[in-house]
Amino acid sequence: HIDPKLVLVQARPKRAHQGWRYLEGADAPLDLGGDVTGLDVMPPALMAKLAELALI
């Protein structure tokens, strides 16, 4: 069963890939939700800009 809820993940550079479902657990990006950083409640445009500036 696949959960339809979207989960934000930590961005990281990686060459093109067919999908995260093929990654081993250790290679998958970290989920952003449920941590103390508050990144999961940040507007996506702000998160993108901060990632572009290598601040997150």
Protein backbone atom coordinates (compact mmCIF):
# COMPACT_ATOMS: atom_id res chain seq x y z
CA HIS A 1 0.00 0.00 0.00
CA ILE A 2 1.37 3.42 -0.95
CA ASP A 3 0.46 6.38 1.24
CA PRO A 4 -0.81 9.31 -0.90
CA LYS A 5 0.59 11.87 1.58
CA LEU A 6 3.54 13.83 0.17
CA VAL A 7 6.63 14.08 2.36
CA LEU A 8 9.18 16.85 1.85
CA VAL A 9 12.74 15.58 1.70
CA GLN A 10 16.13 17.18 2.07
CA ALA A 11 17.47 18.24 -1.33
CA ARG A 12 20.87 16.98 -2.41
CA PRO A 13 22.64 16.91 -5.75
CA LYS A 14 22.41 13.60 -7.57
CA ARG A 15 22.50 12.58 -11.19
CA ALA A 16 19.20 11.79 -12.91
CA HIS A 17 17.37 8.82 -11.43
CA GLN A 18 14.14 7.02 -12.26
CA GLY A 19 12.70 7.48 -8.78
CA TRP A 20 13.40 7.22 -5.07
CA ARG A 21 11.57 3.91 -4.89
CA TYR A 22 14.71 2.26 -6.30
CA LEU A 23 17.10 3.67 -3.70
CA GLU A 24 18.31 1.69 -0.74
CA GLY A 25 17.12 3.15 2.56
CA ALA A 26 20.60 4.49 3.37
CA ASP A 27 20.74 6.33 0.02
CA ALA A 28 17.29 7.94 0.25
CA PRO A 29 17.12 11.66 1.16
CA LEU A 30 16.12 12.57 4.70
CA ASP A 31 12.52 13.54 5.42
CA LEU A 32 12.12 17.16 6.51
CA GLY A 33 8.94 16.69 8.54
CA GLY A 34 8.88 15.99 12.24
CA ASP A 35 12.22 17.53 13.10
CA VAL A 36 13.03 20.60 15.18
CA THR A 37 14.30 22.71 12.26
CA GLY A 38 10.84 23.87 11.15
CA LEU A 39 11.79 23.35 7.49
CA ASP A 40 8.61 21.37 6.88
CA VAL A 41 6.45 24.46 7.44
CA MET A 42 8.52 26.83 5.29
CA PRO A 43 6.97 27.97 1.99
CA PRO A 44 8.35 25.86 -0.90
CA ALA A 45 9.63 28.95 -2.78
CA LEU A 46 11.65 30.04 0.27
CA MET A 47 13.03 26.52 0.73
CA ALA A 48 14.06 26.46 -2.94
CA LYS A 49 15.84 29.80 -2.65
CA LEU A 50 17.67 28.78 0.53
CA ALA A 51 18.72 25.51 -1.11
CA GLU A 52 19.89 27.41 -4.20
CA LEU A 53 22.09 29.51 -1.90
CA ALA A 54 23.34 26.30 -0.20
CA LEU A 55 21.93 27.45 3.14
CA ILE A 56 19.88 24.31 3.71
